[in-house]
C-alpha cells in the first residue's frame, strides 16, 4: 500500500483513501484537510490520539470538521478524551466516537445511544433557488422540516455554517440563532455557535432521512 506524508497526517492507499492523523491536529490543520483534494466519499479518516473536546474552540472546529466529512458520506474513526459541554443527542447525525476516556456512567449511556442511532443524512439541509430546506430526523420516528426563504435569513444561515463568536453576531444572525436554538438546529459550545445540519453531497440517503 502506498503512503504519502502530508504534514501531520498520512494518506494511504491507491484506491479508497485513508487519512491517518499521527497526533492531535490543530483547528487550522483540520480545515486544510476539509478543503483539500483528499476529501470525498471514498475517504476514511483515522485519529490515533484521543481528542479533547472539553476545549470549546477545538470542539467547535472538530465538530464542524465532522460535518464537512459527513456531507460527503466519508467515514471517520475517532476517540475522545472528553466531550464538549452539550447534549450528545444533538450530535446523532455525526459519526460518534468509538470510546470516551474520561466519562461518567450517564455520559457513557448517552454515547452508546449516539452510536446506536447514528446514520448518514439524519439531519441535513438542501439548497434551492433562494431558499434552504432543513430536514431533521434525530428524534426517532419523526421527520421535522424547516424552510428558510427570507434572503437575510439565508445569508445569516450561511454565515453560521462556520463557528461564530456570539458577541460578534449582528441582529439578523442573533434572531436566526435564537430560532434555531429552539429547534435544536444550532450548537452552542461555550461562546461559539454554528449550524448543526450539514449539506447533502452524496446520494442515495436512507429513506427515513427524506
Protein backbone atom coordinates (compact mmCIF):
# COMPACT_ATOMS: atom_id res chain seq x y z
CA UNK A 1 0.00 0.00 0.00
CA UNK A 2 1.41 3.36 -0.99
CA UNK A 3 1.55 6.17 1.57
CA UNK A 4 2.22 9.88 1.37
CA UNK A 5 3.10 12.14 4.29
CA UNK A 6 1.17 15.41 4.23
CA UNK A 7 2.23 17.42 7.27
CA UNK A 8 0.51 15.96 10.34
CA UNK A 9 -1.21 13.08 8.54
CA UNK A 10 -0.53 10.19 6.15
CA UNK A 11 -2.64 9.44 3.07
CA UNK A 12 -2.71 5.68 2.47
CA UNK A 13 -3.93 3.55 -0.41
CA UNK A 14 -4.04 3.50 -4.18
CA UNK A 15 -7.86 3.22 -4.33
CA UNK A 16 -10.09 4.42 -1.49
CA UNK A 17 -8.09 6.90 0.55
CA UNK A 18 -7.29 6.60 4.23
CA UNK A 19 -6.04 9.59 6.17
CA UNK A 20 -4.22 8.74 9.40
CA UNK A 21 -3.52 11.57 11.85
CA UNK A 22 -0.34 10.88 13.81
CA UNK A 23 -1.15 13.42 16.52
CA UNK A 24 -3.94 15.72 17.67
CA UNK A 25 -4.46 18.24 14.86
CA UNK A 26 -4.89 21.97 15.18
CA UNK A 27 -8.06 23.71 14.01
CA UNK A 28 -6.17 25.11 11.03
CA UNK A 29 -4.95 21.64 10.01
CA UNK A 30 -8.47 20.23 10.19
CA UNK A 31 -9.73 22.97 7.90
CA UNK A 32 -6.86 22.41 5.46
CA UNK A 33 -7.90 18.77 5.05
CA UNK A 34 -11.58 19.72 4.78
CA UNK A 35 -10.90 21.85 1.70
CA UNK A 36 -8.21 19.61 0.18
CA UNK A 37 -8.43 17.20 -2.74
CA UNK A 38 -8.22 14.32 -0.23
CA UNK A 39 -11.81 14.90 0.88
CA UNK A 40 -14.51 12.75 -0.73
CA UNK A 41 -16.96 9.90 -0.28
CA UNK A 42 -14.19 7.28 -0.54
CA UNK A 43 -12.22 8.79 2.34
CA UNK A 44 -11.73 7.14 5.74
CA UNK A 45 -10.12 9.30 8.43
CA UNK A 46 -8.42 7.80 11.49
CA UNK A 47 -7.34 9.80 14.55
CA UNK A 48 -4.69 7.89 16.50
CA UNK A 49 -4.81 10.07 19.63
CA UNK A 50 -7.89 10.80 21.80
CA UNK A 51 -9.30 14.27 21.12
CA UNK A 52 -10.12 16.60 24.00
CA UNK A 53 -13.41 18.29 23.15
CA UNK A 54 -13.67 19.98 26.54
CA UNK A 55 -11.82 22.89 24.88
CA UNK A 56 -14.65 24.95 23.39
CA UNK A 57 -12.82 26.29 20.33
CA UNK A 58 -11.30 22.93 19.41
CA UNK A 59 -14.66 21.22 19.95
CA UNK A 60 -16.34 23.69 17.59
CA UNK A 61 -13.61 23.19 14.97
CA UNK A 62 -13.66 19.39 15.21
CA UNK A 63 -17.45 19.06 15.11
CA UNK A 64 -17.52 21.36 12.10
CA UNK A 65 -14.88 19.09 10.52
CA UNK A 66 -17.12 16.06 11.20
CA UNK A 67 -19.92 17.90 9.41
CA UNK A 68 -17.77 18.55 6.38
CA UNK A 69 -16.72 14.90 6.14
CA UNK A 70 -20.27 13.71 6.78
CA UNK A 71 -21.52 15.92 3.97
CA UNK A 72 -19.71 13.59 1.53
CA UNK A 73 -20.52 10.40 3.43
CA UNK A 74 -16.86 9.97 4.39
CA UNK A 75 -16.05 7.66 7.29
CA UNK A 76 -14.35 8.79 10.50
CA UNK A 77 -12.82 6.73 13.31
CA UNK A 78 -12.06 8.76 16.42
CA UNK A 79 -11.99 8.60 20.19
CA UNK A 80 -12.46 11.37 22.71
CA UNK A 81 -10.62 12.21 25.89
CA UNK A 82 -13.59 14.35 26.99
CA UNK A 83 -16.76 15.55 25.27
CA UNK A 84 -17.99 19.13 24.83
CA UNK A 85 -20.48 20.63 27.24
CA UNK A 86 -23.61 19.93 25.19
CA UNK A 87 -26.36 17.34 24.86
CA UNK A 88 -24.91 14.38 22.88
CA UNK A 89 -28.38 13.83 21.36
CA UNK A 90 -27.79 16.96 19.29
CA UNK A 91 -24.93 15.13 17.53
CA UNK A 92 -26.62 11.89 16.48
CA UNK A 93 -26.27 12.82 12.79
CA UNK A 94 -22.46 12.95 13.12
CA UNK A 95 -20.08 9.96 13.38
CA UNK A 96 -19.81 9.07 17.09
CA UNK A 97 -16.56 8.38 18.95
CA UNK A 98 -15.56 4.76 19.38
CA UNK A 99 -14.71 5.45 23.02
CA UNK A 100 -14.55 8.31 25.52
CA UNK A 101 -11.73 8.10 28.04
CA UNK A 102 -12.92 10.40 30.84
CA UNK A 103 -16.65 9.83 31.25
CA UNK A 104 -19.27 9.09 33.90
CA UNK A 105 -21.93 6.40 33.57
CA UNK A 106 -24.65 8.79 32.34
CA UNK A 107 -22.42 10.08 29.58
CA UNK A 108 -21.33 6.52 28.72
CA UNK A 109 -25.00 5.61 28.22
CA UNK A 110 -25.54 8.72 26.08
CA UNK A 111 -22.57 7.73 23.89
CA UNK A 112 -24.00 4.22 23.44
CA UNK A 113 -27.28 5.77 22.30
CA UNK A 114 -25.39 8.04 19.88
CA UNK A 115 -23.55 5.04 18.45
CA UNK A 116 -26.82 3.14 18.05
CA UNK A 117 -28.81 6.00 16.49
CA UNK A 118 -26.22 7.42 14.07
CA UNK A 119 -26.90 7.22 10.36
CA UNK A 120 -25.92 9.29 7.35
CA UNK A 121 -28.29 12.10 6.42
CA UNK A 122 -30.15 12.14 9.72
CA UNK A 123 -30.06 15.95 9.95
CA UNK A 124 -29.23 17.77 6.74
CA UNK A 125 -30.09 20.70 4.51
CA UNK A 126 -30.50 21.24 0.81
CA UNK A 127 -30.16 24.45 -1.13
CA UNK A 128 -32.76 25.64 -3.63
CA UNK A 129 -33.12 28.85 -5.63
CA UNK A 130 -33.35 31.44 -2.89
CA UNK A 131 -34.16 29.06 -0.04
CA UNK A 132 -32.71 26.43 2.28
CA UNK A 133 -34.68 23.34 3.36
CA UNK A 134 -33.69 21.55 6.56
CA UNK A 135 -34.77 18.01 7.41
CA UNK A 136 -34.19 16.72 10.93
CA UNK A 137 -34.78 13.06 11.80
CA UNK A 138 -32.75 12.84 15.00
CA UNK A 139 -35.89 12.15 17.06
CA UNK A 140 -36.88 8.56 16.34
CA UNK A 141 -39.98 8.22 14.19
CA UNK A 142 -40.20 11.93 13.41
CA UNK A 143 -39.01 13.99 10.46
CA UNK A 144 -39.12 17.73 11.10
CA UNK A 145 -38.82 20.17 8.21
CA UNK A 146 -37.95 23.84 8.13
CA UNK A 147 -37.68 26.10 5.08
CA UNK A 148 -35.71 29.35 5.25
CA UNK A 149 -36.69 31.58 2.35
CA UNK A 150 -36.01 35.11 3.58
CA UNK A 151 -32.88 36.43 1.85
CA UNK A 152 -31.44 37.95 5.01
CA UNK A 153 -32.09 34.76 6.99
CA UNK A 154 -30.45 32.68 4.23
CA UNK A 155 -27.38 34.93 4.41
CA UNK A 156 -27.28 34.53 8.21
CA UNK A 157 -27.63 30.75 7.87
CA UNK A 158 -24.67 30.63 5.51
CA UNK A 159 -22.60 32.81 7.85
CA UNK A 160 -23.34 30.45 10.75
CA UNK A 161 -22.09 27.38 8.90
CA UNK A 162 -18.68 28.20 10.41
CA UNK A 163 -18.28 28.68 14.18
CA UNK A 164 -19.05 32.30 15.06
CA UNK A 165 -18.48 34.04 18.40
CA UNK A 166 -21.80 35.03 19.96
CA UNK A 167 -20.57 38.54 20.70
CA UNK A 168 -19.71 39.11 17.01
CA UNK A 169 -23.15 38.39 15.56
CA UNK A 170 -25.30 41.10 14.05
CA UNK A 171 -29.01 41.43 14.89
CA UNK A 172 -30.16 39.22 12.00
CA UNK A 173 -27.75 36.45 12.93
CA UNK A 174 -28.88 36.67 16.56
CA UNK A 175 -32.51 36.41 15.50
CA UNK A 176 -31.83 33.28 13.47
CA UNK A 177 -29.63 31.89 16.23
CA UNK A 178 -32.45 32.08 18.78
CA UNK A 179 -34.92 30.43 16.39
CA UNK A 180 -32.55 27.59 15.53
CA UNK A 181 -31.59 27.04 19.17
CA UNK A 182 -35.27 26.46 19.97
CA UNK A 183 -35.44 23.91 17.15
CA UNK A 184 -32.16 22.23 18.25
CA UNK A 185 -30.62 23.04 14.87
CA UNK A 186 -27.76 25.18 16.17
CA UNK A 187 -24.99 24.14 18.54
CA UNK A 188 -23.63 26.46 21.20
CA UNK A 189 -20.27 25.43 22.65
CA UNK A 190 -19.01 27.98 25.11
CA UNK A 191 -19.09 31.30 23.27
CA UNK A 192 -19.18 29.68 19.79
CA UNK A 193 -22.25 28.88 17.70
CA UNK A 194 -22.75 27.12 14.37
CA UNK A 195 -25.41 25.33 12.30
CA UNK A 196 -25.85 21.63 13.09
CA UNK A 197 -27.29 20.21 9.81
CA UNK A 198 -24.82 19.51 7.02
CA UNK A 199 -25.39 19.78 3.30
CA UNK A 200 -26.02 16.51 1.48
CA UNK A 201 -23.44 15.85 -1.21
CA UNK A 202 -23.85 12.08 -1.57
CA UNK A 203 -26.83 10.04 -2.72
CA UNK A 204 -28.73 7.93 -2.01
CA UNK A 205 -29.61 8.54 1.64
CA UNK A 206 -31.79 6.30 3.83
CA UNK A 207 -35.49 6.73 3.07
CA UNK A 208 -36.07 7.77 6.68
CA UNK A 209 -33.95 10.88 6.04
CA UNK A 210 -36.06 12.07 3.09
